Amino acid sequence: MSDLRSTQINLILPTLGIGGAELCAIRLANYWHSIGLSVTIITITEIGAGAARLNSQIPVTSLFSKRLFLCIPYLIRLFSASASSINLVFMWPLTSLAVCAWIFSGKRCKLYLTERTCLSVHISNDLHMPICTASLILMFTHRFASGVIAVSHGVANDLSRLARLNKNKISVIYNPVDLPKAPSCAAVTSSSIIRNPWPFMTKYRILSVGSLKPSKNYSLLLKAFEDVNNLLDASLVIIGEGPEMGKLKSRIFQANLQQSIALLGSRDDLSSWYASASLFVLTSNLEGFPNVIVEAMSFGVPVVSTIALMVLRK
């Protein structure tokens, strides 16, 4: 610990938004700062709304770059100037770009890469890049890093195949969760400790949390809820923001479910929502390690998920 107290730790991300990778970086930074370590967060494109959850004493630097690859000259200078630093870089392709900058800087500092999702699916569905091209880039970058971290065995297996990287070179470290904020089972059932914020007076309360984007597949959730709503006294709350907000609102209006479904946007503290939910549902098509499942489980909430077996398998 004494050696680490004199070491600068840099967490490098595309942006500090409200996604799972960003939340993990914020939790790590806050904890490391609380035990006296020197931590800085560096974002490439913008600071992002997630910065509000960060300890105000932790420095945040943003390059406000319009393209990720434009960060390479800055990263070369950063790595060259801080030979004793530890640098943790989140999310591909920034991870590969960081390796290129690190090599040009002379590899004097430590560079660790952390991948948060099954890249083969993410690259095909979201980045529209040929898998063979991405595989070549990964093969010629990730093997040179000081270490490579995956958030689940599923992500590690996928990365190993894609980058032709020995699985023994990949460390699996699950996402951190703020367990101290989760009440005991007795506290969950006590309205005097956790306020029930639910906007509907129904017997069953279904909760989903995540960015409103195509990969989260909220269309499937709405379709499933339409069927459930005809059978049970239930309501659905979705917490999150994103480009699918308008589409989902239209779908809810067309199905005449405004009195049963609420889209609440982003919320800083989800404790009361988890504590008052009867069921948590995640219909995502693609996850590396879903923080929200662990958070729901920490409150004793039953979980239905479309991706848990794929993500957590060994």
Protein backbone atom coordinates (compact mmCIF):
# COMPACT_ATOMS: atom_id res chain seq x y z
CA MET A 1 0.00 0.00 0.00
CA SER A 2 2.86 2.41 0.78
CA ASP A 3 4.19 1.98 -2.76
CA LEU A 4 0.75 2.63 -4.24
CA ARG A 5 0.28 5.84 -2.25
CA SER A 6 3.17 7.37 -4.18
CA THR A 7 1.86 6.11 -7.53
CA GLN A 8 -0.38 8.06 -9.88
CA ILE A 9 -3.37 6.06 -11.14
CA ASN A 10 -5.01 7.22 -14.37
CA LEU A 11 -8.39 5.88 -15.45
CA ILE A 12 -8.86 6.55 -19.18
CA LEU A 13 -12.28 6.30 -20.87
CA PRO A 14 -13.98 7.60 -24.03
CA THR A 15 -16.41 9.55 -21.83
CA LEU A 16 -17.72 9.51 -18.28
CA GLY A 17 -21.34 8.79 -19.14
CA ILE A 18 -23.88 6.75 -17.18
CA GLY A 19 -23.12 3.30 -18.60
CA GLY A 20 -21.79 0.24 -16.80
CA ALA A 21 -18.11 0.79 -17.67
CA GLU A 22 -18.27 4.40 -16.57
CA LEU A 23 -20.01 3.48 -13.31
CA CYS A 24 -17.28 0.92 -12.62
CA ALA A 25 -14.58 3.56 -13.18
CA ILE A 26 -16.38 5.98 -10.86
CA ARG A 27 -16.70 3.39 -8.10
CA LEU A 28 -13.03 2.43 -8.40
CA ALA A 29 -11.90 6.06 -8.41
CA ASN A 30 -14.05 6.97 -5.41
CA TYR A 31 -12.83 4.00 -3.40
CA TRP A 32 -9.16 4.43 -4.26
CA HIS A 33 -9.39 8.13 -3.40
CA SER A 34 -11.05 7.27 -0.06
CA ILE A 35 -8.05 5.11 0.97
CA GLY A 36 -5.55 7.80 0.06
CA LEU A 37 -4.46 6.86 -3.47
CA SER A 38 -3.82 9.48 -6.15
CA VAL A 39 -6.41 9.05 -8.91
CA THR A 40 -7.16 11.04 -12.06
CA ILE A 41 -9.87 10.37 -14.65
CA ILE A 42 -9.15 11.23 -18.28
CA THR A 43 -11.92 11.26 -20.88
CA ILE A 44 -11.40 11.56 -24.62
CA THR A 45 -14.57 12.99 -26.18
CA GLU A 46 -16.38 14.73 -23.29
CA ILE A 47 -16.65 14.64 -19.52
CA GLY A 48 -20.16 13.16 -19.40
CA ALA A 49 -23.06 13.20 -16.94
CA GLY A 50 -21.52 10.47 -14.78
CA ALA A 51 -19.03 12.97 -13.36
CA ALA A 52 -21.73 14.08 -10.92
CA ARG A 53 -21.27 10.77 -9.07
CA LEU A 54 -17.53 11.28 -8.72
CA ASN A 55 -15.88 12.64 -5.57
CA SER A 56 -15.38 16.34 -6.26
CA GLN A 57 -11.74 16.12 -5.15
CA ILE A 58 -10.82 13.69 -7.94
CA PRO A 59 -9.36 15.54 -10.95
CA VAL A 60 -11.12 15.04 -14.29
CA THR A 61 -9.46 15.96 -17.58
CA SER A 62 -11.20 15.82 -20.96
CA LEU A 63 -9.59 16.21 -24.38
CA PHE A 64 -12.95 17.07 -26.01
CA SER A 65 -11.72 15.23 -29.08
CA LYS A 66 -14.12 14.66 -31.96
CA ARG A 67 -12.43 11.36 -32.85
CA LEU A 68 -10.94 8.74 -30.55
CA PHE A 69 -7.77 8.28 -32.62
CA LEU A 70 -6.87 11.95 -32.15
CA CYS A 71 -6.03 11.14 -28.54
CA ILE A 72 -2.84 9.24 -29.47
CA PRO A 73 -0.43 12.24 -29.32
CA TYR A 74 -1.82 13.23 -25.90
CA LEU A 75 -1.51 9.69 -24.56
CA ILE A 76 2.08 9.44 -25.81
CA ARG A 77 2.95 12.58 -23.82
CA LEU A 78 1.02 11.32 -20.78
CA PHE A 79 2.76 7.94 -20.74
CA SER A 80 6.17 9.48 -21.37
CA ALA A 81 5.84 12.03 -18.59
CA SER A 82 4.66 9.59 -15.91
CA ALA A 83 6.99 6.61 -15.96
CA SER A 84 5.83 5.34 -12.57
CA SER A 85 2.09 5.68 -13.24
CA ILE A 86 -0.50 2.93 -13.54
CA ASN A 87 -2.91 3.49 -16.42
CA LEU A 88 -6.20 1.61 -16.69
CA VAL A 89 -7.91 2.03 -20.07
CA PHE A 90 -11.58 1.13 -20.62
CA MET A 91 -13.36 -0.10 -23.74
CA TRP A 92 -12.26 -0.98 -27.25
CA PRO A 93 -11.15 0.58 -29.60
CA LEU A 94 -9.67 3.04 -27.07
CA THR A 95 -7.78 0.14 -25.50
CA SER A 96 -5.98 -0.63 -28.78
CA LEU A 97 -5.25 3.04 -29.43
CA ALA A 98 -3.74 3.32 -25.94
CA VAL A 99 -1.40 0.39 -26.64
CA CYS A 100 -0.13 2.13 -29.80
CA ALA A 101 0.53 5.32 -27.82
CA TRP A 102 2.18 3.32 -25.02
CA ILE A 103 4.57 1.59 -27.44
CA PHE A 104 5.57 4.91 -29.02
CA SER A 105 6.14 6.37 -25.53
CA GLY A 106 8.71 3.69 -24.74
CA LYS A 107 6.48 1.57 -22.44
CA ARG A 108 7.95 3.11 -19.29
CA CYS A 109 4.72 3.11 -17.27
CA LYS A 110 2.19 0.33 -16.62
CA LEU A 111 -0.74 -0.08 -18.99
CA TYR A 112 -3.74 -2.28 -18.21
CA LEU A 113 -6.67 -2.81 -20.58
CA THR A 114 -10.18 -3.69 -19.44
CA GLU A 115 -12.86 -4.95 -21.83
CA ARG A 116 -16.45 -4.76 -20.66
CA THR A 117 -18.47 -6.58 -23.32
CA CYS A 118 -18.39 -9.49 -25.76
CA LEU A 119 -16.45 -7.70 -28.48
CA SER A 120 -17.32 -10.04 -31.35
CA VAL A 121 -21.03 -9.20 -30.96
CA HIS A 122 -20.44 -5.51 -30.18
CA ILE A 123 -18.19 -5.04 -33.23
CA SER A 124 -20.61 -6.78 -35.60
CA ASN A 125 -23.82 -5.18 -34.32
CA ASP A 126 -22.76 -1.70 -33.19
CA LEU A 127 -19.46 -0.75 -34.84
CA HIS A 128 -20.17 -2.28 -38.26
CA MET A 129 -16.53 -3.28 -38.68
CA PRO A 130 -15.47 -6.56 -40.30
CA ILE A 131 -14.59 -9.05 -37.57
CA CYS A 132 -11.38 -10.01 -39.37
CA THR A 133 -10.17 -6.38 -39.25
CA ALA A 134 -10.96 -6.01 -35.56
CA SER A 135 -9.33 -9.36 -34.83
CA LEU A 136 -6.09 -8.27 -36.51
CA ILE A 137 -6.02 -5.02 -34.51
CA LEU A 138 -6.61 -6.88 -31.26
CA MET A 139 -3.96 -9.47 -32.09
CA PHE A 140 -1.33 -6.77 -32.61
CA THR A 141 -2.19 -4.65 -29.56
CA HIS A 142 -3.53 -6.51 -26.54
CA ARG A 143 -0.66 -8.98 -26.21
CA PHE A 144 1.75 -6.10 -25.52
CA ALA A 145 -0.13 -4.53 -22.59
CA SER A 146 1.02 -4.96 -18.99
CA GLY A 147 -2.23 -6.81 -18.36
CA VAL A 148 -5.67 -7.47 -19.84
CA ILE A 149 -8.82 -7.61 -17.71
CA ALA A 150 -12.25 -8.98 -18.61
CA VAL A 151 -15.37 -8.53 -16.49
CA SER A 152 -16.64 -12.09 -16.90
CA HIS A 153 -15.51 -15.50 -18.13
CA GLY A 154 -17.78 -15.09 -21.15
CA VAL A 155 -16.02 -11.85 -22.11
CA ALA A 156 -12.61 -13.47 -21.50
CA ASN A 157 -13.44 -16.44 -23.74
CA ASP A 158 -14.68 -14.15 -26.50
CA LEU A 159 -11.62 -11.88 -26.27
CA SER A 160 -9.26 -14.86 -26.22
CA ARG A 161 -10.71 -16.17 -29.49
CA LEU A 162 -10.89 -12.79 -31.16
CA ALA A 163 -7.38 -11.58 -30.22
CA ARG A 164 -5.74 -15.03 -30.45
CA LEU A 165 -4.68 -14.36 -26.87
CA ASN A 166 -3.87 -17.11 -24.40
CA LYS A 167 -6.68 -17.16 -21.84
CA ASN A 168 -4.11 -17.30 -19.06
CA LYS A 169 -3.07 -13.77 -20.09
CA ILE A 170 -6.57 -12.45 -19.28
CA SER A 171 -7.60 -11.76 -15.69
CA VAL A 172 -11.31 -11.98 -14.87
CA ILE A 173 -12.34 -9.33 -12.33
CA TYR A 174 -16.05 -8.79 -11.75
CA ASN A 175 -17.52 -5.31 -11.51
CA PRO A 176 -17.59 -3.72 -8.04
CA VAL A 177 -20.90 -3.02 -6.32
CA ASP A 178 -21.57 -0.60 -3.46
CA LEU A 179 -22.91 -3.27 -1.12
CA PRO A 180 -22.85 -1.06 2.02
CA LYS A 181 -25.72 0.93 0.50
CA ALA A 182 -27.89 -2.17 0.17
CA PRO A 183 -30.13 -2.66 3.22
CA SER A 184 -30.68 -5.97 4.93
CA CYS A 185 -33.71 -8.07 4.03
CA ALA A 186 -35.50 -6.73 7.11
CA ALA A 187 -34.76 -3.16 6.05
CA VAL A 188 -36.07 -3.79 2.54
CA THR A 189 -39.49 -4.60 3.93
CA SER A 190 -39.56 -1.65 6.31
CA SER A 191 -41.22 1.42 4.82
CA SER A 192 -39.73 3.49 7.65
CA ILE A 193 -36.22 2.87 6.30
CA ILE A 194 -36.69 2.81 2.52
CA ARG A 195 -39.33 5.05 0.97
CA ASN A 196 -41.48 3.47 -1.71
CA PRO A 197 -41.28 5.81 -4.73
CA TRP A 198 -43.41 3.67 -7.06
CA PRO A 199 -45.72 5.85 -9.20
CA PHE A 200 -48.42 3.15 -9.60
CA MET A 201 -50.57 1.41 -6.98
CA THR A 202 -50.22 -2.16 -8.28
CA LYS A 203 -49.62 -5.50 -6.62
CA TYR A 204 -46.56 -6.36 -8.73
CA ARG A 205 -43.83 -3.80 -9.50
CA ILE A 206 -41.43 -4.59 -12.36
CA LEU A 207 -38.20 -2.61 -12.67
CA SER A 208 -35.64 -2.30 -15.46
CA VAL A 209 -32.54 -0.08 -15.44
CA GLY A 210 -30.21 0.75 -18.32
CA SER A 211 -29.44 3.03 -21.25
CA LEU A 212 -32.28 3.39 -23.73
CA LYS A 213 -30.43 2.04 -26.76
CA PRO A 214 -31.16 -0.74 -29.29
CA SER A 215 -28.86 -3.33 -27.69
CA LYS A 216 -30.92 -3.20 -24.47
CA ASN A 217 -33.93 -4.52 -26.45
CA TYR A 218 -36.61 -2.68 -24.51
CA SER A 219 -39.04 -3.51 -27.33
CA LEU A 220 -38.97 -7.11 -26.08
CA LEU A 221 -39.63 -5.92 -22.53
CA LEU A 222 -42.64 -3.85 -23.62
CA LYS A 223 -44.04 -6.74 -25.63
CA ALA A 224 -43.66 -9.09 -22.67
CA PHE A 225 -45.26 -6.57 -20.33
CA GLU A 226 -48.28 -6.21 -22.63
CA ASP A 227 -48.93 -9.93 -22.18
CA VAL A 228 -48.33 -9.80 -18.42
CA ASN A 229 -50.52 -6.74 -18.02
CA ASN A 230 -53.54 -8.68 -19.29
CA LEU A 231 -53.07 -11.32 -16.61
CA LEU A 232 -51.67 -9.57 -13.53
CA ASP A 233 -52.08 -6.34 -11.58
CA ALA A 234 -48.60 -5.09 -12.56
CA SER A 235 -46.72 -1.92 -13.48
CA LEU A 236 -43.36 -1.32 -15.12
CA VAL A 237 -40.77 1.36 -14.40
CA ILE A 238 -37.78 1.86 -16.73
CA ILE A 239 -34.93 4.03 -15.44
CA GLY A 240 -32.42 5.31 -17.98
CA GLU A 241 -31.84 7.72 -20.83
CA GLY A 242 -30.83 7.30 -24.45
CA PRO A 243 -31.75 7.59 -28.13
CA GLU A 244 -34.67 5.12 -27.90
CA MET A 245 -36.68 7.33 -25.51
CA GLY A 246 -38.99 8.73 -28.20
CA LYS A 247 -39.57 5.35 -29.83
CA LEU A 248 -40.45 3.72 -26.50
CA LYS A 249 -42.82 6.53 -25.54
CA SER A 250 -44.64 6.12 -28.85
CA ARG A 251 -44.91 2.37 -28.33
CA ILE A 252 -46.34 2.86 -24.83
CA PHE A 253 -48.86 5.44 -26.13
CA GLN A 254 -49.96 3.21 -29.01
CA ALA A 255 -50.56 0.32 -26.60
CA ASN A 256 -52.45 2.66 -24.24
CA LEU A 257 -50.20 1.69 -21.32
CA GLN A 258 -49.44 5.17 -19.96
CA GLN A 259 -51.15 4.23 -16.67
CA SER A 260 -48.95 1.14 -16.25
CA ILE A 261 -45.50 2.04 -17.61
CA ALA A 262 -43.26 4.95 -16.64
CA LEU A 263 -40.04 6.05 -18.34
CA LEU A 264 -38.29 8.03 -15.62
CA GLY A 265 -35.00 9.01 -17.23
CA SER A 266 -31.82 8.93 -15.17
CA ARG A 267 -31.76 8.66 -11.36
CA ASP A 268 -28.70 9.11 -9.13
CA ASP A 269 -29.77 6.86 -6.25
CA LEU A 270 -31.58 3.66 -7.19
CA SER A 271 -31.77 2.19 -3.68
CA SER A 272 -35.45 2.94 -3.10
CA TRP A 273 -36.37 1.64 -6.55
CA TYR A 274 -34.61 -1.69 -6.08
CA ALA A 275 -35.98 -2.02 -2.55
CA SER A 276 -39.59 -1.48 -3.65
CA ALA A 277 -39.51 -3.65 -6.80
CA SER A 278 -41.17 -7.07 -6.97
CA LEU A 279 -39.09 -8.17 -9.96
CA PHE A 280 -36.10 -6.89 -11.93
CA VAL A 281 -35.98 -7.59 -15.68
CA LEU A 282 -33.12 -7.17 -18.15
CA THR A 283 -33.87 -7.91 -21.82
CA SER A 284 -30.50 -6.85 -23.20
CA ASN A 285 -29.00 -8.54 -26.26
CA LEU A 286 -25.43 -7.77 -25.25
CA GLU A 287 -23.73 -7.42 -21.87
CA GLY A 288 -20.30 -8.11 -20.46
CA PHE A 289 -21.21 -8.09 -16.79
CA PRO A 290 -24.49 -6.33 -15.97
CA ASN A 291 -24.06 -4.20 -12.84
CA VAL A 292 -27.82 -3.86 -12.54
CA ILE A 293 -28.34 -7.60 -12.00
CA VAL A 294 -25.89 -7.66 -9.10
CA GLU A 295 -27.40 -4.48 -7.66
CA ALA A 296 -30.91 -5.96 -7.81
CA MET A 297 -29.72 -9.21 -6.23
CA SER A 298 -28.02 -7.27 -3.43
CA PHE A 299 -31.48 -6.01 -2.47
CA GLY A 300 -32.98 -9.49 -2.63
CA VAL A 301 -35.01 -8.72 -5.76
CA PRO A 302 -35.78 -11.69 -8.07
CA VAL A 303 -34.20 -11.29 -11.53
CA VAL A 304 -35.32 -12.34 -15.00
CA SER A 305 -32.62 -11.83 -17.63
CA THR A 306 -32.11 -12.79 -21.27
CA ILE A 307 -28.30 -12.70 -21.07
CA ALA A 308 -27.18 -14.09 -17.71
CA LEU A 309 -26.29 -17.59 -18.94
CA MET A 310 -24.37 -16.27 -21.94
CA VAL A 311 -22.39 -13.77 -19.90
CA LEU A 312 -21.56 -15.77 -16.78
CA ARG A 313 -20.75 -19.14 -18.34
CA LYS A 314 -17.16 -20.39 -18.05
